[in-house]
Amino acid sequence: MTAQRMFLLELGQERVPKSLSVLGAGDHPITTPVYGVLVETSDGLVLLDTGLGGTALADTPAMEALYGGPDMLPSGPDGEPLEVALAELGFTVDDISLAAVSHLHLDHTGGVPMLTAAAVPVVIHEDEIAYGRDRATQGTEREVAFWKSDYTLPATQWRTVAGDEQIAPGVHVLRTPGHTPGHLSYRVDLSDTGTWLFAADAADLGENLLERVPCGSTAEADDVPRALASVNRLMDEGDRLDARVVPGHDAVFWKAVWHPRGGHR
């Protein structure tokens, strides 16, 4: 079973040390895009990751603390990045039937409050939401780059998964822990262009995938082997499925695969 169409959403930009993305890299800053994926299926529109939120972007002191100073501030369009990106395609949040978040870092959860208001269920790994709630109660969101108000709303309809799962026709989540305990990557199957694997933060850059080097940031110090196993899994799955494997924050890769008019099919 395949999905019908797929669009890529630009949801902001970040400036981060390269060492955050690639284990062993230098600390020089790189500019990385923040993206999501919108998939049209026979069950409705499915959103994969929700980007940065306008509330977080507007809180300059908090962003300076999280990102490391005024020269490292993230950016986005005027308004809510998710709303702006959807509007460019002629959609609104109310058109979405189901969403998923790969993990709870703030550059992936910014749209969750809007999804909550629209009563859209949100898929997440059970280990990730448990970890996030534990961190939220400890008040350490700045240490782990979480934005508690995104994911602690009582009305959010979380749909937890325990491992790999098809969440809609042609749309799967894949367990790829390491960067965070319950990190998920995505698989989208299309009739014309075949299978796509979206790494999210299991691999920020093409370098992670091509050189099989894990991300430079893991939630726990001993998670590096899990992060490497997730990179290897994505590449091995790519070979097995003859799939495009797309890193989560690489401007060159994303520009190369940007959707044509009317979306990928």
C-alpha atoms as a PDB file:
ATOM      1  CA  MET A   1       0.000   0.000   0.000  1.00  0.00           C
ATOM      2  CA  THR A   2       1.369   3.408  -0.939  1.00  0.00           C
ATOM      3  CA  ALA A   3       0.679   7.025  -0.061  1.00  0.00           C
ATOM      4  CA  GLN A   4      -0.640   9.373  -2.740  1.00  0.00           C
ATOM      5  CA  ARG A   5       1.491  12.528  -2.550  1.00  0.00           C
ATOM      6  CA  MET A   6       4.241  14.014  -0.417  1.00  0.00           C
ATOM      7  CA  PHE A   7       5.331  17.578   0.269  1.00  0.00           C
ATOM      8  CA  LEU A   8       8.330  18.921   2.175  1.00  0.00           C
ATOM      9  CA  LEU A   9       7.779  21.765   4.640  1.00  0.00           C
ATOM     10  CA  GLU A  10      10.349  24.403   5.568  1.00  0.00           C
ATOM     11  CA  LEU A  11       9.811  25.200   9.253  1.00  0.00           C
ATOM     12  CA  GLY A  12      12.750  27.430  10.207  1.00  0.00           C
ATOM     13  CA  GLN A  13      16.517  27.511  10.496  1.00  0.00           C
ATOM     14  CA  GLU A  14      19.004  26.875  13.275  1.00  0.00           C
ATOM     15  CA  ARG A  15      22.630  27.781  13.817  1.00  0.00           C
ATOM     16  CA  VAL A  16      24.455  25.104  15.785  1.00  0.00           C
ATOM     17  CA  PRO A  17      27.999  23.809  16.341  1.00  0.00           C
ATOM     18  CA  LYS A  18      28.781  21.086  13.824  1.00  0.00           C
ATOM     19  CA  SER A  19      29.848  18.886  16.731  1.00  0.00           C
ATOM     20  CA  LEU A  20      26.165  18.704  17.676  1.00  0.00           C
ATOM     21  CA  SER A  21      25.398  16.999  14.367  1.00  0.00           C
ATOM     22  CA  VAL A  22      28.497  14.864  13.768  1.00  0.00           C
ATOM     23  CA  LEU A  23      30.414  13.026  16.467  1.00  0.00           C
ATOM     24  CA  GLY A  24      34.002  14.281  16.588  1.00  0.00           C
ATOM     25  CA  ALA A  25      33.432  17.311  14.355  1.00  0.00           C
ATOM     26  CA  GLY A  26      34.637  20.787  15.229  1.00  0.00           C
ATOM     27  CA  ASP A  27      32.629  23.379  17.105  1.00  0.00           C
ATOM     28  CA  HIS A  28      32.387  25.842  14.215  1.00  0.00           C
ATOM     29  CA  PRO A  29      28.775  26.931  13.630  1.00  0.00           C
ATOM     30  CA  ILE A  30      26.721  25.658  10.719  1.00  0.00           C
ATOM     31  CA  THR A  31      23.287  26.791   9.537  1.00  0.00           C
ATOM     32  CA  THR A  32      20.836  23.925   9.368  1.00  0.00           C
ATOM     33  CA  PRO A  33      17.264  23.954   8.044  1.00  0.00           C
ATOM     34  CA  VAL A  34      14.314  22.666  10.031  1.00  0.00           C
ATOM     35  CA  TYR A  35      11.905  20.621   7.931  1.00  0.00           C
ATOM     36  CA  GLY A  36       8.784  18.534   8.130  1.00  0.00           C
ATOM     37  CA  VAL A  37       7.030  16.171   5.730  1.00  0.00           C
ATOM     38  CA  LEU A  38       3.365  16.249   4.745  1.00  0.00           C
ATOM     39  CA  VAL A  39       1.954  13.059   3.241  1.00  0.00           C
ATOM     40  CA  GLU A  40      -1.408  12.682   1.546  1.00  0.00           C
ATOM     41  CA  THR A  41      -2.829   9.212   2.156  1.00  0.00           C
ATOM     42  CA  SER A  42      -6.147   7.478   1.626  1.00  0.00           C
ATOM     43  CA  ASP A  43      -6.778   8.086   5.338  1.00  0.00           C
ATOM     44  CA  GLY A  44      -6.050  11.824   5.102  1.00  0.00           C
ATOM     45  CA  LEU A  45      -3.055  14.130   5.512  1.00  0.00           C
ATOM     46  CA  VAL A  46      -0.245  12.929   7.787  1.00  0.00           C
ATOM     47  CA  LEU A  47       2.311  15.390   9.192  1.00  0.00           C
ATOM     48  CA  LEU A  48       5.772  14.118  10.118  1.00  0.00           C
ATOM     49  CA  ASP A  49       7.449  16.535  12.557  1.00  0.00           C
ATOM     50  CA  THR A  50       6.155  19.989  13.381  1.00  0.00           C
ATOM     51  CA  GLY A  51       9.172  22.332  13.440  1.00  0.00           C
ATOM     52  CA  LEU A  52       9.920  25.300  15.664  1.00  0.00           C
ATOM     53  CA  GLY A  53       7.076  27.121  17.377  1.00  0.00           C
ATOM     54  CA  GLY A  54       6.412  30.837  17.247  1.00  0.00           C
ATOM     55  CA  THR A  55       6.259  31.106  21.034  1.00  0.00           C
ATOM     56  CA  ALA A  56       9.752  29.687  21.429  1.00  0.00           C
ATOM     57  CA  LEU A  57      11.175  31.779  18.582  1.00  0.00           C
ATOM     58  CA  ALA A  58       9.781  34.938  20.178  1.00  0.00           C
ATOM     59  CA  ASP A  59      11.452  34.214  23.529  1.00  0.00           C
ATOM     60  CA  THR A  60      14.884  35.645  22.723  1.00  0.00           C
ATOM     61  CA  PRO A  61      16.431  35.164  26.190  1.00  0.00           C
ATOM     62  CA  ALA A  62      15.425  31.508  26.233  1.00  0.00           C
ATOM     63  CA  MET A  63      16.695  30.941  22.700  1.00  0.00           C
ATOM     64  CA  GLU A  64      20.020  32.594  23.552  1.00  0.00           C
ATOM     65  CA  ALA A  65      20.350  30.269  26.544  1.00  0.00           C
ATOM     66  CA  LEU A  66      19.404  27.178  24.553  1.00  0.00           C
ATOM     67  CA  TYR A  67      21.434  27.877  21.434  1.00  0.00           C
ATOM     68  CA  GLY A  68      24.476  29.587  22.907  1.00  0.00           C
ATOM     69  CA  GLY A  69      24.174  33.335  22.462  1.00  0.00           C
ATOM     70  CA  PRO A  70      22.750  36.067  20.246  1.00  0.00           C
ATOM     71  CA  ASP A  71      24.760  34.960  17.221  1.00  0.00           C
ATOM     72  CA  MET A  72      23.166  31.487  17.308  1.00  0.00           C
ATOM     73  CA  LEU A  73      19.473  32.366  17.417  1.00  0.00           C
ATOM     74  CA  PRO A  74      17.105  30.174  15.403  1.00  0.00           C
ATOM     75  CA  SER A  75      14.753  31.849  12.965  1.00  0.00           C
ATOM     76  CA  GLY A  76      11.462  31.287  11.197  1.00  0.00           C
ATOM     77  CA  PRO A  77       8.833  33.096   9.160  1.00  0.00           C
ATOM     78  CA  ASP A  78       6.533  35.694  10.668  1.00  0.00           C
ATOM     79  CA  GLY A  79       3.774  33.845  12.470  1.00  0.00           C
ATOM     80  CA  GLU A  80       3.663  30.156  13.291  1.00  0.00           C
ATOM     81  CA  PRO A  81       6.092  28.300  10.985  1.00  0.00           C
ATOM     82  CA  LEU A  82       3.789  25.305  10.591  1.00  0.00           C
ATOM     83  CA  GLU A  83       0.795  27.445   9.676  1.00  0.00           C
ATOM     84  CA  VAL A  84       2.839  29.429   7.160  1.00  0.00           C
ATOM     85  CA  ALA A  85       4.263  26.299   5.495  1.00  0.00           C
ATOM     86  CA  LEU A  86       0.865  24.631   5.251  1.00  0.00           C
ATOM     87  CA  ALA A  87      -0.742  27.775   3.858  1.00  0.00           C
ATOM     88  CA  GLU A  88       1.803  27.864   1.032  1.00  0.00           C
ATOM     89  CA  LEU A  89       0.358  24.515  -0.073  1.00  0.00           C
ATOM     90  CA  GLY A  90      -3.256  25.532   0.442  1.00  0.00           C
ATOM     91  CA  PHE A  91      -3.747  23.603   3.699  1.00  0.00           C
ATOM     92  CA  THR A  92      -4.402  24.400   7.346  1.00  0.00           C
ATOM     93  CA  VAL A  93      -3.780  22.486  10.552  1.00  0.00           C
ATOM     94  CA  ASP A  94      -7.448  21.480  10.519  1.00  0.00           C
ATOM     95  CA  ASP A  95      -6.814  19.513   7.309  1.00  0.00           C
ATOM     96  CA  ILE A  96      -4.383  17.153   9.082  1.00  0.00           C
ATOM     97  CA  SER A  97      -5.718  13.770  10.181  1.00  0.00           C
ATOM     98  CA  LEU A  98      -2.651  12.457  12.020  1.00  0.00           C
ATOM     99  CA  ALA A  99       0.789  13.740  13.021  1.00  0.00           C
ATOM    100  CA  ALA A 100       3.997  12.292  14.411  1.00  0.00           C
ATOM    101  CA  VAL A 101       7.006  13.736  16.186  1.00  0.00           C
ATOM    102  CA  SER A 102      10.366  12.039  15.843  1.00  0.00           C
ATOM    103  CA  HIS A 103      11.448  13.249  19.292  1.00  0.00           C
ATOM    104  CA  LEU A 104      10.832  16.033  21.785  1.00  0.00           C
ATOM    105  CA  HIS A 105      13.516  18.590  20.950  1.00  0.00           C
ATOM    106  CA  LEU A 106      11.937  21.990  20.434  1.00  0.00           C
ATOM    107  CA  ASP A 107      12.733  22.155  16.712  1.00  0.00           C
ATOM    108  CA  HIS A 108      10.388  19.205  16.190  1.00  0.00           C
ATOM    109  CA  THR A 109       7.525  19.944  18.609  1.00  0.00           C
ATOM    110  CA  GLY A 110       6.640  23.572  17.886  1.00  0.00           C
ATOM    111  CA  GLY A 111       3.415  22.712  16.084  1.00  0.00           C
ATOM    112  CA  VAL A 112       2.074  20.326  18.731  1.00  0.00           C
ATOM    113  CA  PRO A 113      -0.021  22.989  20.527  1.00  0.00           C
ATOM    114  CA  MET A 114      -1.810  23.799  17.253  1.00  0.00           C
ATOM    115  CA  LEU A 115      -2.373  20.101  16.585  1.00  0.00           C
ATOM    116  CA  THR A 116      -3.740  19.784  20.104  1.00  0.00           C
ATOM    117  CA  ALA A 117      -6.169  22.655  19.522  1.00  0.00           C
ATOM    118  CA  ALA A 118      -7.321  20.975  16.301  1.00  0.00           C
ATOM    119  CA  ALA A 119      -7.737  17.589  18.069  1.00  0.00           C
ATOM    120  CA  VAL A 120      -5.177  15.914  15.784  1.00  0.00           C
ATOM    121  CA  PRO A 121      -3.656  12.717  17.293  1.00  0.00           C
ATOM    122  CA  VAL A 122       0.145  12.769  17.562  1.00  0.00           C
ATOM    123  CA  VAL A 123       2.276   9.622  17.286  1.00  0.00           C
ATOM    124  CA  ILE A 124       5.331   9.352  19.547  1.00  0.00           C
ATOM    125  CA  HIS A 125       7.453   6.522  20.895  1.00  0.00           C
ATOM    126  CA  GLU A 126       6.507   5.509  24.423  1.00  0.00           C
ATOM    127  CA  ASP A 127      10.101   5.873  25.632  1.00  0.00           C
ATOM    128  CA  GLU A 128      10.281   9.419  24.292  1.00  0.00           C
ATOM    129  CA  ILE A 129       7.173  10.767  25.961  1.00  0.00           C
ATOM    130  CA  ALA A 130       8.169   9.077  29.223  1.00  0.00           C
ATOM    131  CA  TYR A 131      11.628  10.653  29.030  1.00  0.00           C
ATOM    132  CA  GLY A 132      10.189  14.048  28.190  1.00  0.00           C
ATOM    133  CA  ARG A 133       7.729  13.981  31.046  1.00  0.00           C
ATOM    134  CA  ASP A 134      10.482  12.967  33.449  1.00  0.00           C
ATOM    135  CA  ARG A 135      12.676  15.818  32.229  1.00  0.00           C
ATOM    136  CA  ALA A 136       9.739  18.209  32.424  1.00  0.00           C
ATOM    137  CA  THR A 137       9.151  17.433  36.081  1.00  0.00           C
ATOM    138  CA  GLN A 138      12.847  17.970  36.792  1.00  0.00           C
ATOM    139  CA  GLY A 139      12.729  21.402  35.153  1.00  0.00           C
ATOM    140  CA  THR A 140      15.835  20.759  33.017  1.00  0.00           C
ATOM    141  CA  GLU A 141      14.402  21.598  29.598  1.00  0.00           C
ATOM    142  CA  ARG A 142      17.242  23.954  28.710  1.00  0.00           C
ATOM    143  CA  GLU A 143      19.808  21.244  29.303  1.00  0.00           C
ATOM    144  CA  VAL A 144      18.114  18.884  26.879  1.00  0.00           C
ATOM    145  CA  ALA A 145      16.637  21.431  24.398  1.00  0.00           C
ATOM    146  CA  PHE A 146      13.030  20.586  25.226  1.00  0.00           C
ATOM    147  CA  TRP A 147      10.263  23.209  25.281  1.00  0.00           C
ATOM    148  CA  LYS A 148       7.891  21.914  27.915  1.00  0.00           C
ATOM    149  CA  SER A 149       4.849  23.934  26.933  1.00  0.00           C
ATOM    150  CA  ASP A 150       4.845  22.205  23.523  1.00  0.00           C
ATOM    151  CA  TYR A 151       4.273  18.712  24.872  1.00  0.00           C
ATOM    152  CA  THR A 152       2.752  18.970  28.351  1.00  0.00           C
ATOM    153  CA  LEU A 153      -0.737  20.109  27.346  1.00  0.00           C
ATOM    154  CA  PRO A 154      -3.291  17.781  28.986  1.00  0.00           C
ATOM    155  CA  ALA A 155      -5.475  17.784  25.855  1.00  0.00           C
ATOM    156  CA  THR A 156      -2.812  16.450  23.460  1.00  0.00           C
ATOM    157  CA  GLN A 157      -3.966  13.140  21.995  1.00  0.00           C
ATOM    158  CA  TRP A 158      -0.712  11.194  22.166  1.00  0.00           C
ATOM    159  CA  ARG A 159      -0.693   7.877  20.327  1.00  0.00           C
ATOM    160  CA  THR A 160       2.280   5.906  21.591  1.00  0.00           C
ATOM    161  CA  VAL A 161       4.147   3.218  19.673  1.00  0.00           C
ATOM    162  CA  ALA A 162       6.588   0.674  21.051  1.00  0.00           C
ATOM    163  CA  GLY A 163       8.616   0.067  17.877  1.00  0.00           C
ATOM    164  CA  ASP A 164       8.259   0.107  14.103  1.00  0.00           C
ATOM    165  CA  GLU A 165       4.681   0.622  13.003  1.00  0.00           C
ATOM    166  CA  GLN A 166       2.640   1.585   9.964  1.00  0.00           C
ATOM    167  CA  ILE A 167       0.673   4.640  11.084  1.00  0.00           C
ATOM    168  CA  ALA A 168      -1.191   5.333   7.821  1.00  0.00           C
ATOM    169  CA  PRO A 169      -1.300   3.822   4.329  1.00  0.00           C
ATOM    170  CA  GLY A 170       2.241   4.107   2.977  1.00  0.00           C
ATOM    171  CA  VAL A 171       3.589   5.808   6.123  1.00  0.00           C
ATOM    172  CA  HIS A 172       5.691   4.059   8.770  1.00  0.00           C
ATOM    173  CA  VAL A 173       7.672   5.055  11.839  1.00  0.00           C
ATOM    174  CA  LEU A 174      11.012   3.338  12.455  1.00  0.00           C
ATOM    175  CA  ARG A 175      12.647   3.092  15.865  1.00  0.00           C
ATOM    176  CA  THR A 176      16.075   4.780  15.723  1.00  0.00           C
ATOM    177  CA  PRO A 177      17.156   5.547  19.306  1.00  0.00           C
ATOM    178  CA  GLY A 178      20.374   7.208  20.408  1.00  0.00           C
ATOM    179  CA  HIS A 179      19.944  10.910  19.807  1.00  0.00           C
ATOM    180  CA  THR A 180      17.087  10.583  22.295  1.00  0.00           C
ATOM    181  CA  PRO A 181      15.729   7.442  23.964  1.00  0.00           C
ATOM    182  CA  GLY A 182      12.621   7.125  21.809  1.00  0.00           C
ATOM    183  CA  HIS A 183      13.724   8.739  18.562  1.00  0.00           C
ATOM    184  CA  LEU A 184      11.740   7.774  15.451  1.00  0.00           C
ATOM    185  CA  SER A 185      12.601   8.059  11.762  1.00  0.00           C
ATOM    186  CA  TYR A 186      10.056   7.824   8.961  1.00  0.00           C
ATOM    187  CA  ARG A 187       9.387   5.714   5.903  1.00  0.00           C
ATOM    188  CA  VAL A 188       7.092   6.909   3.111  1.00  0.00           C
ATOM    189  CA  ASP A 189       6.155   4.638   0.194  1.00  0.00           C
ATOM    190  CA  LEU A 190       4.955   6.356  -3.002  1.00  0.00           C
ATOM    191  CA  SER A 191       3.751   4.727  -6.201  1.00  0.00           C
ATOM    192  CA  ASP A 192       5.971   6.620  -8.676  1.00  0.00           C
ATOM    193  CA  THR A 193       9.095   7.622  -6.746  1.00  0.00           C
ATOM    194  CA  GLY A 194       9.308   4.590  -4.491  1.00  0.00           C
ATOM    195  CA  THR A 195      10.396   4.512  -0.869  1.00  0.00           C
ATOM    196  CA  TRP A 196      11.781   7.429   1.104  1.00  0.00           C
ATOM    197  CA  LEU A 197      13.469   7.202   4.502  1.00  0.00           C
ATOM    198  CA  PHE A 198      13.592  10.399   6.557  1.00  0.00           C
ATOM    199  CA  ALA A 199      16.243  10.133   9.243  1.00  0.00           C
ATOM    200  CA  ALA A 200      15.157  13.132  11.342  1.00  0.00           C
ATOM    201  CA  ASP A 201      17.907  13.636  13.943  1.00  0.00           C
ATOM    202  CA  ALA A 202      19.239  10.106  13.775  1.00  0.00           C
ATOM    203  CA  ALA A 203      21.354  11.665  11.001  1.00  0.00           C
ATOM    204  CA  ASP A 204      21.407  15.452  10.701  1.00  0.00           C
ATOM    205  CA  LEU A 205      23.746  15.634   7.718  1.00  0.00           C
ATOM    206  CA  GLY A 206      24.642  13.596   4.670  1.00  0.00           C
ATOM    207  CA  GLU A 207      28.022  13.094   6.314  1.00  0.00           C
ATOM    208  CA  ASN A 208      26.395  11.038   9.080  1.00  0.00           C
ATOM    209  CA  LEU A 209      24.924   8.663   6.513  1.00  0.00           C
ATOM    210  CA  LEU A 210      27.676   8.495   3.912  1.00  0.00           C
ATOM    211  CA  GLU A 211      30.450   8.071   6.472  1.00  0.00           C
ATOM    212  CA  ARG A 212      28.275   6.133   8.935  1.00  0.00           C
ATOM    213  CA  VAL A 213      29.134   8.522  11.761  1.00  0.00           C
ATOM    214  CA  PRO A 214      26.582   8.999  14.565  1.00  0.00           C
ATOM    215  CA  CYS A 215      25.162  12.302  15.689  1.00  0.00           C
ATOM    216  CA  GLY A 216      27.260  14.332  18.101  1.00  0.00           C
ATOM    217  CA  SER A 217      24.457  14.786  20.613  1.00  0.00           C
ATOM    218  CA  THR A 218      22.929  11.946  22.594  1.00  0.00           C
ATOM    219  CA  ALA A 219      20.588  12.252  25.540  1.00  0.00           C
ATOM    220  CA  GLU A 220      22.784  10.003  27.656  1.00  0.00           C
ATOM    221  CA  ALA A 221      26.547   9.599  27.370  1.00  0.00           C
ATOM    222  CA  ASP A 222      26.343   5.841  26.829  1.00  0.00           C
ATOM    223  CA  ASP A 223      23.863   6.164  23.931  1.00  0.00           C
ATOM    224  CA  VAL A 224      26.534   6.654  21.249  1.00  0.00           C
ATOM    225  CA  PRO A 225      26.512   2.947  20.239  1.00  0.00           C
ATOM    226  CA  ARG A 226      22.716   3.116  19.869  1.00  0.00           C
ATOM    227  CA  ALA A 227      23.039   6.243  17.743  1.00  0.00           C
ATOM    228  CA  LEU A 228      25.561   4.499  15.478  1.00  0.00           C
ATOM    229  CA  ALA A 229      23.329   1.435  15.230  1.00  0.00           C
ATOM    230  CA  SER A 230      20.488   3.696  14.097  1.00  0.00           C
ATOM    231  CA  VAL A 231      22.613   5.264  11.344  1.00  0.00           C
ATOM    232  CA  ASN A 232      23.626   1.802  10.174  1.00  0.00           C
ATOM    233  CA  ARG A 233      20.038   0.650  10.288  1.00  0.00           C
ATOM    234  CA  LEU A 234      18.881   3.535   8.084  1.00  0.00           C
ATOM    235  CA  MET A 235      21.569   2.881   5.499  1.00  0.00           C
ATOM    236  CA  ASP A 236      20.938  -0.867   5.527  1.00  0.00           C
ATOM    237  CA  GLU A 237      17.194  -0.296   5.167  1.00  0.00           C
ATOM    238  CA  GLY A 238      17.905   2.091   2.326  1.00  0.00           C
ATOM    239  CA  ASP A 239      19.842  -0.620   0.522  1.00  0.00           C
ATOM    240  CA  ARG A 240      17.206  -3.262   1.231  1.00  0.00           C
ATOM    241  CA  LEU A 241      14.320  -1.100   0.038  1.00  0.00           C
ATOM    242  CA  ASP A 242      16.217   0.737  -2.710  1.00  0.00           C
ATOM    243  CA  ALA A 243      15.113   3.897  -0.910  1.00  0.00           C
ATOM    244  CA  ARG A 244      16.182   7.514  -0.820  1.00  0.00           C
ATOM    245  CA  VAL A 245      17.655   8.160   2.629  1.00  0.00           C
ATOM    246  CA  VAL A 246      17.311  11.815   3.599  1.00  0.00           C
ATOM    247  CA  PRO A 247      19.120  13.404   6.576  1.00  0.00           C
ATOM    248  CA  GLY A 248      17.112  15.660   8.826  1.00  0.00           C
ATOM    249  CA  HIS A 249      18.989  18.963   8.736  1.00  0.00           C
ATOM    250  CA  ASP A 250      21.073  19.049   5.565  1.00  0.00           C
ATOM    251  CA  ALA A 251      20.296  22.012   3.288  1.00  0.00           C
ATOM    252  CA  VAL A 252      21.959  20.478   0.223  1.00  0.00           C
ATOM    253  CA  PHE A 253      20.074  17.185   0.512  1.00  0.00           C
ATOM    254  CA  TRP A 254      16.746  18.856   1.174  1.00  0.00           C
ATOM    255  CA  LYS A 255      17.071  21.276  -1.723  1.00  0.00           C
ATOM    256  CA  ALA A 256      17.897  18.352  -3.991  1.00  0.00           C
ATOM    257  CA  VAL A 257      14.751  16.418  -3.008  1.00  0.00           C
ATOM    258  CA  TRP A 258      12.366  19.381  -2.675  1.00  0.00           C
ATOM    259  CA  HIS A 259       8.936  18.525  -4.023  1.00  0.00           C
ATOM    260  CA  PRO A 260       7.896  19.487  -7.541  1.00  0.00           C
ATOM    261  CA  ARG A 261       4.695  21.412  -8.139  1.00  0.00           C
ATOM    262  CA  GLY A 262       1.914  19.131  -7.032  1.00  0.00           C
ATOM    263  CA  GLY A 263       4.169  17.108  -4.707  1.00  0.00           C
ATOM    264  CA  HIS A 264       6.130  13.888  -5.058  1.00  0.00           C
ATOM    265  CA  ARG A 265       4.054  10.919  -6.166  1.00  0.00           C
END
